[in-house]
Structure formats: C-alpha cells, structure tokens
Amino acid sequence: MSTDVKPKGKAHKGRNAPPHFTREFQRWARSHVSSESCAKNGARGFVATLAKHGPDVAFSGARKWRLSHPSSNELLMIGILSRLGIRYEREHRVGDTLYTVDFYLTDTNQAIEVDSRIHEQFDIEKRRQRKTRKRKLLADHHIPCLSVLDTELTRDVDVVIRKVRRFVGRETQ
C-alpha cells in the first residue's frame, strides 16, 4: 500500500477548475515530478506552440515566462547590474533566431550569460551544441559575451562585481 496520500483541501472556485485542483494538491503534485520530466514537458509544449502558432508566438510565450520566473542566480545578477548602474535587457533575442541571452547590456552592446549546474547535468551534449551555436551567433552580431557560473555568484559576489566591471570597461582601482 502506498504511503503517498493526495492531500484533501477546499476546492478552488475558479472557472472550469476541477474540484480536486487545490493549492495543496498542486504542491503535492509538484513534489512528485522530477525537474527533467518538467523540462521535457515544457519542451514538448514549446514545440506544439511553435507548430500551431509559429516562432514569434512560441518565442514570446517562452520569453514572458522566463522574465516572470528569474532564477536565484539571475536575481543576484540583476542586483549586481542595478548596483553598478548598468542598463540591461533580460532575455534579449539574438537576431531573428529563437536564442536569447540572459542579460543584454544596452549601452555597450554586450551580453552576460549566467550558467547554472543544470548545464552540466541534463542533456549535456545538446546544451553544449546550443551554447556553441549561441556563441557563434553572438560573434556574428558582434556582441561580446561574459559567462558567469552560478558557483561564482554564490561563492564571492565581490569577485563577480569586479569581473563585470572589467568586462564593461568600468574597472576602478
């Protein structure tokens, strides 16, 4: 007999919501799926949207989601760039492709990518190929790019601040 019991709770009163679709149920369900399966399902949804509505709608929806759900490392980088007074655009589209950069520095035509451990854990070869393609696209568009690892951000933010200052040409002694 399974020890996992779906929690019971007051049903959500929203339109068309099934009676079991409560916040408690959502929390329970999220705790029973892996990050990998969520990523695969998200990719399937993107492909379906791409086929049904075209690349602009698919890109716009994915970008909107990423803008409203920054990672903790992206939040740290937002704080660093804001503290340094550097203007940026998040999830900037590279040319007319579906590739984006995490931070595009609007005044200097530069980019910053925040790479997390997921890049080394899930679909490693596919991620490396995409990263290589993205780097070539950035080079073709004459956009220098700084990569910052999540471990750098969590280890010593001051080192990252100096690295960003050097990259944008604002190094102070």
C-alpha atoms as a PDB file:
ATOM      1  CA  MET A   1       0.000   0.000   0.000  1.00  0.00           C
ATOM      2  CA  SER A   2       1.350   3.423  -0.919  1.00  0.00           C
ATOM      3  CA  THR A   3       2.131   5.905   1.843  1.00  0.00           C
ATOM      4  CA  ASP A   4       1.619   8.803  -0.552  1.00  0.00           C
ATOM      5  CA  VAL A   5      -1.827  10.179   0.057  1.00  0.00           C
ATOM      6  CA  LYS A   6      -3.059  13.032  -2.045  1.00  0.00           C
ATOM      7  CA  PRO A   7      -3.974  15.881   0.279  1.00  0.00           C
ATOM      8  CA  LYS A   8      -7.549  16.930   0.529  1.00  0.00           C
ATOM      9  CA  GLY A   9      -8.430  20.573   0.619  1.00  0.00           C
ATOM     10  CA  LYS A  10     -11.039  23.104  -0.157  1.00  0.00           C
ATOM     11  CA  ALA A  11     -11.737  23.094  -3.883  1.00  0.00           C
ATOM     12  CA  HIS A  12     -10.655  26.099  -5.892  1.00  0.00           C
ATOM     13  CA  LYS A  13     -13.701  28.043  -7.025  1.00  0.00           C
ATOM     14  CA  GLY A  14     -12.225  29.218 -10.336  1.00  0.00           C
ATOM     15  CA  ARG A  15     -13.958  28.770 -13.657  1.00  0.00           C
ATOM     16  CA  ASN A  16     -13.552  25.311 -15.163  1.00  0.00           C
ATOM     17  CA  ALA A  17     -11.303  24.178 -12.292  1.00  0.00           C
ATOM     18  CA  PRO A  18     -11.696  20.514 -11.378  1.00  0.00           C
ATOM     19  CA  PRO A  19     -12.840  20.069  -7.770  1.00  0.00           C
ATOM     20  CA  HIS A  20      -9.504  18.455  -6.763  1.00  0.00           C
ATOM     21  CA  PHE A  21      -7.426  21.312  -8.215  1.00  0.00           C
ATOM     22  CA  THR A  22      -6.422  22.964  -4.948  1.00  0.00           C
ATOM     23  CA  ARG A  23      -3.175  24.662  -3.931  1.00  0.00           C
ATOM     24  CA  GLU A  24      -2.434  21.747  -1.625  1.00  0.00           C
ATOM     25  CA  PHE A  25      -2.905  19.300  -4.477  1.00  0.00           C
ATOM     26  CA  GLN A  26      -0.654  21.396  -6.740  1.00  0.00           C
ATOM     27  CA  ARG A  27       2.115  21.409  -4.096  1.00  0.00           C
ATOM     28  CA  TRP A  28       1.757  17.676  -3.645  1.00  0.00           C
ATOM     29  CA  ALA A  29       1.821  17.025  -7.400  1.00  0.00           C
ATOM     30  CA  ARG A  30       4.893  19.244  -7.927  1.00  0.00           C
ATOM     31  CA  SER A  31       6.761  17.335  -5.243  1.00  0.00           C
ATOM     32  CA  HIS A  32       6.187  14.102  -7.161  1.00  0.00           C
ATOM     33  CA  VAL A  33       7.698  15.072 -10.527  1.00  0.00           C
ATOM     34  CA  SER A  34      11.331  15.457 -11.498  1.00  0.00           C
ATOM     35  CA  SER A  35      12.942  18.558 -12.963  1.00  0.00           C
ATOM     36  CA  GLU A  36      13.881  16.524 -16.015  1.00  0.00           C
ATOM     37  CA  SER A  37      10.281  15.497 -16.730  1.00  0.00           C
ATOM     38  CA  CYS A  38       9.131  19.102 -16.291  1.00  0.00           C
ATOM     39  CA  ALA A  39      11.815  20.271 -18.725  1.00  0.00           C
ATOM     40  CA  LYS A  40      10.799  17.629 -21.266  1.00  0.00           C
ATOM     41  CA  ASN A  41       7.121  18.549 -20.957  1.00  0.00           C
ATOM     42  CA  GLY A  42       7.977  22.239 -21.335  1.00  0.00           C
ATOM     43  CA  ALA A  43       9.967  21.460 -24.470  1.00  0.00           C
ATOM     44  CA  ARG A  44       7.027  19.468 -25.878  1.00  0.00           C
ATOM     45  CA  GLY A  45       4.699  22.381 -25.178  1.00  0.00           C
ATOM     46  CA  PHE A  46       7.082  24.784 -26.895  1.00  0.00           C
ATOM     47  CA  VAL A  47       7.279  22.540 -29.972  1.00  0.00           C
ATOM     48  CA  ALA A  48       3.466  22.247 -30.081  1.00  0.00           C
ATOM     49  CA  THR A  49       3.074  26.033 -29.787  1.00  0.00           C
ATOM     50  CA  LEU A  50       5.733  26.513 -32.458  1.00  0.00           C
ATOM     51  CA  ALA A  51       3.880  24.185 -34.850  1.00  0.00           C
ATOM     52  CA  LYS A  52       0.453  25.661 -34.154  1.00  0.00           C
ATOM     53  CA  HIS A  53       1.215  29.398 -33.886  1.00  0.00           C
ATOM     54  CA  GLY A  54       4.680  29.943 -35.356  1.00  0.00           C
ATOM     55  CA  PRO A  55       8.062  31.011 -33.950  1.00  0.00           C
ATOM     56  CA  ASP A  56       7.137  34.526 -32.827  1.00  0.00           C
ATOM     57  CA  VAL A  57       4.276  33.382 -30.585  1.00  0.00           C
ATOM     58  CA  ALA A  58       6.325  30.476 -29.186  1.00  0.00           C
ATOM     59  CA  PHE A  59       9.300  32.737 -28.519  1.00  0.00           C
ATOM     60  CA  SER A  60       7.148  35.437 -26.947  1.00  0.00           C
ATOM     61  CA  GLY A  61       5.464  32.990 -24.575  1.00  0.00           C
ATOM     62  CA  ALA A  62       8.723  31.361 -23.513  1.00  0.00           C
ATOM     63  CA  ARG A  63      10.380  34.750 -23.004  1.00  0.00           C
ATOM     64  CA  LYS A  64       7.438  36.037 -20.984  1.00  0.00           C
ATOM     65  CA  TRP A  65       7.639  33.007 -18.701  1.00  0.00           C
ATOM     66  CA  ARG A  66      11.424  33.375 -18.215  1.00  0.00           C
ATOM     67  CA  LEU A  67      11.057  37.095 -17.468  1.00  0.00           C
ATOM     68  CA  SER A  68       8.492  36.425 -14.759  1.00  0.00           C
ATOM     69  CA  HIS A  69      10.443  33.477 -13.273  1.00  0.00           C
ATOM     70  CA  PRO A  70      14.101  34.532 -12.889  1.00  0.00           C
ATOM     71  CA  SER A  71      16.412  32.018 -11.244  1.00  0.00           C
ATOM     72  CA  SER A  72      18.054  32.892  -7.946  1.00  0.00           C
ATOM     73  CA  ASN A  73      21.319  33.409  -9.834  1.00  0.00           C
ATOM     74  CA  GLU A  74      19.647  35.756 -12.298  1.00  0.00           C
ATOM     75  CA  LEU A  75      18.240  37.700  -9.335  1.00  0.00           C
ATOM     76  CA  LEU A  76      21.781  38.071  -7.987  1.00  0.00           C
ATOM     77  CA  MET A  77      22.995  39.325 -11.376  1.00  0.00           C
ATOM     78  CA  ILE A  78      20.065  41.756 -11.576  1.00  0.00           C
ATOM     79  CA  GLY A  79      21.194  43.128  -8.206  1.00  0.00           C
ATOM     80  CA  ILE A  80      24.809  43.452  -9.362  1.00  0.00           C
ATOM     81  CA  LEU A  81      23.911  45.237 -12.607  1.00  0.00           C
ATOM     82  CA  SER A  82      21.488  47.540 -10.813  1.00  0.00           C
ATOM     83  CA  ARG A  83      24.077  48.347  -8.136  1.00  0.00           C
ATOM     84  CA  LEU A  84      26.614  49.212 -10.836  1.00  0.00           C
ATOM     85  CA  GLY A  85      24.061  51.336 -12.709  1.00  0.00           C
ATOM     86  CA  ILE A  86      24.352  49.241 -15.867  1.00  0.00           C
ATOM     87  CA  ARG A  87      21.320  49.303 -18.144  1.00  0.00           C
ATOM     88  CA  TYR A  88      20.277  45.892 -19.422  1.00  0.00           C
ATOM     89  CA  GLU A  89      17.513  43.957 -21.097  1.00  0.00           C
ATOM     90  CA  ARG A  90      16.719  40.468 -19.844  1.00  0.00           C
ATOM     91  CA  GLU A  91      16.143  37.573 -22.235  1.00  0.00           C
ATOM     92  CA  HIS A  92      17.288  39.592 -25.263  1.00  0.00           C
ATOM     93  CA  ARG A  93      16.653  37.891 -28.593  1.00  0.00           C
ATOM     94  CA  VAL A  94      19.764  37.356 -30.717  1.00  0.00           C
ATOM     95  CA  GLY A  95      18.902  38.466 -34.239  1.00  0.00           C
ATOM     96  CA  ASP A  96      15.817  36.778 -35.652  1.00  0.00           C
ATOM     97  CA  THR A  97      16.627  33.437 -34.013  1.00  0.00           C
ATOM     98  CA  LEU A  98      14.974  31.753 -31.043  1.00  0.00           C
ATOM     99  CA  TYR A  99      18.157  32.203 -28.998  1.00  0.00           C
ATOM    100  CA  THR A 100      18.310  34.684 -26.141  1.00  0.00           C
ATOM    101  CA  VAL A 101      20.981  35.959 -23.801  1.00  0.00           C
ATOM    102  CA  ASP A 102      20.248  36.295 -20.095  1.00  0.00           C
ATOM    103  CA  PHE A 103      21.359  39.948 -19.973  1.00  0.00           C
ATOM    104  CA  TYR A 104      21.988  42.281 -22.884  1.00  0.00           C
ATOM    105  CA  LEU A 105      23.826  45.450 -21.886  1.00  0.00           C
ATOM    106  CA  THR A 106      22.068  48.061 -23.995  1.00  0.00           C
ATOM    107  CA  ASP A 107      24.658  50.845 -23.718  1.00  0.00           C
ATOM    108  CA  THR A 108      27.681  48.711 -24.595  1.00  0.00           C
ATOM    109  CA  ASN A 109      26.234  46.041 -26.946  1.00  0.00           C
ATOM    110  CA  GLN A 110      27.498  43.261 -24.673  1.00  0.00           C
ATOM    111  CA  ALA A 111      25.881  40.190 -23.138  1.00  0.00           C
ATOM    112  CA  ILE A 112      26.139  38.303 -19.874  1.00  0.00           C
ATOM    113  CA  GLU A 113      25.118  34.672 -19.516  1.00  0.00           C
ATOM    114  CA  VAL A 114      24.572  33.092 -16.103  1.00  0.00           C
ATOM    115  CA  ASP A 115      25.311  29.378 -16.376  1.00  0.00           C
ATOM    116  CA  SER A 116      23.984  27.031 -13.728  1.00  0.00           C
ATOM    117  CA  ARG A 117      24.746  23.439 -12.825  1.00  0.00           C
ATOM    118  CA  ILE A 118      21.826  22.249 -14.963  1.00  0.00           C
ATOM    119  CA  HIS A 119      24.066  22.888 -17.984  1.00  0.00           C
ATOM    120  CA  GLU A 120      26.340  20.114 -16.698  1.00  0.00           C
ATOM    121  CA  GLN A 121      23.634  17.691 -15.538  1.00  0.00           C
ATOM    122  CA  PHE A 122      20.852  17.372 -18.080  1.00  0.00           C
ATOM    123  CA  ASP A 123      21.163  16.859 -21.864  1.00  0.00           C
ATOM    124  CA  ILE A 124      24.835  17.820 -21.615  1.00  0.00           C
ATOM    125  CA  GLU A 125      25.757  17.283 -25.261  1.00  0.00           C
ATOM    126  CA  LYS A 126      22.657  19.067 -26.601  1.00  0.00           C
ATOM    127  CA  ARG A 127      23.317  22.019 -24.261  1.00  0.00           C
ATOM    128  CA  ARG A 128      26.953  22.225 -25.396  1.00  0.00           C
ATOM    129  CA  GLN A 129      25.867  22.296 -29.043  1.00  0.00           C
ATOM    130  CA  ARG A 130      23.328  25.048 -28.324  1.00  0.00           C
ATOM    131  CA  LYS A 131      25.922  27.029 -26.396  1.00  0.00           C
ATOM    132  CA  THR A 132      28.355  26.743 -29.320  1.00  0.00           C
ATOM    133  CA  ARG A 133      25.650  27.897 -31.769  1.00  0.00           C
ATOM    134  CA  LYS A 134      24.705  30.792 -29.498  1.00  0.00           C
ATOM    135  CA  ARG A 135      28.352  31.895 -29.183  1.00  0.00           C
ATOM    136  CA  LYS A 136      28.710  31.865 -32.959  1.00  0.00           C
ATOM    137  CA  LEU A 137      25.509  33.912 -33.339  1.00  0.00           C
ATOM    138  CA  LEU A 138      26.778  36.440 -30.797  1.00  0.00           C
ATOM    139  CA  ALA A 139      30.105  36.677 -32.639  1.00  0.00           C
ATOM    140  CA  ASP A 140      28.272  37.138 -35.960  1.00  0.00           C
ATOM    141  CA  HIS A 141      26.298  40.011 -34.376  1.00  0.00           C
ATOM    142  CA  HIS A 142      29.486  41.462 -32.807  1.00  0.00           C
ATOM    143  CA  ILE A 143      28.184  41.007 -29.255  1.00  0.00           C
ATOM    144  CA  PRO A 144      30.907  40.092 -26.744  1.00  0.00           C
ATOM    145  CA  CYS A 145      29.628  37.765 -24.029  1.00  0.00           C
ATOM    146  CA  LEU A 146      30.717  37.200 -20.438  1.00  0.00           C
ATOM    147  CA  SER A 147      29.854  33.859 -18.823  1.00  0.00           C
ATOM    148  CA  VAL A 148      29.327  33.792 -15.087  1.00  0.00           C
ATOM    149  CA  LEU A 149      28.954  30.459 -13.331  1.00  0.00           C
ATOM    150  CA  ASP A 150      26.401  30.074 -10.567  1.00  0.00           C
ATOM    151  CA  THR A 151      29.178  28.879  -8.273  1.00  0.00           C
ATOM    152  CA  GLU A 152      30.974  32.202  -8.764  1.00  0.00           C
ATOM    153  CA  LEU A 153      27.844  34.111  -7.761  1.00  0.00           C
ATOM    154  CA  THR A 154      27.269  32.060  -4.630  1.00  0.00           C
ATOM    155  CA  ARG A 155      30.937  31.909  -3.607  1.00  0.00           C
ATOM    156  CA  ASP A 156      32.012  35.557  -3.792  1.00  0.00           C
ATOM    157  CA  VAL A 157      29.796  38.269  -5.257  1.00  0.00           C
ATOM    158  CA  ASP A 158      32.588  40.863  -4.997  1.00  0.00           C
ATOM    159  CA  VAL A 159      34.701  38.840  -7.438  1.00  0.00           C
ATOM    160  CA  VAL A 160      31.775  38.765  -9.882  1.00  0.00           C
ATOM    161  CA  ILE A 161      31.276  42.527  -9.479  1.00  0.00           C
ATOM    162  CA  ARG A 162      34.941  43.117 -10.387  1.00  0.00           C
ATOM    163  CA  LYS A 163      34.619  40.709 -13.333  1.00  0.00           C
ATOM    164  CA  VAL A 164      31.543  42.580 -14.647  1.00  0.00           C
ATOM    165  CA  ARG A 165      33.254  45.967 -14.156  1.00  0.00           C
ATOM    166  CA  ARG A 166      36.277  44.787 -16.162  1.00  0.00           C
ATOM    167  CA  PHE A 167      34.019  43.386 -18.881  1.00  0.00           C
ATOM    168  CA  VAL A 168      32.091  46.639 -19.364  1.00  0.00           C
ATOM    169  CA  GLY A 169      35.198  48.807 -19.013  1.00  0.00           C
ATOM    170  CA  ARG A 170      34.318  50.277 -15.612  1.00  0.00           C
ATOM    171  CA  GLU A 171      37.222  48.840 -13.657  1.00  0.00           C
ATOM    172  CA  THR A 172      38.146  51.022 -10.720  1.00  0.00           C
ATOM    173  CA  GLN A 173      41.338  50.619  -8.769  1.00  0.00           C
END
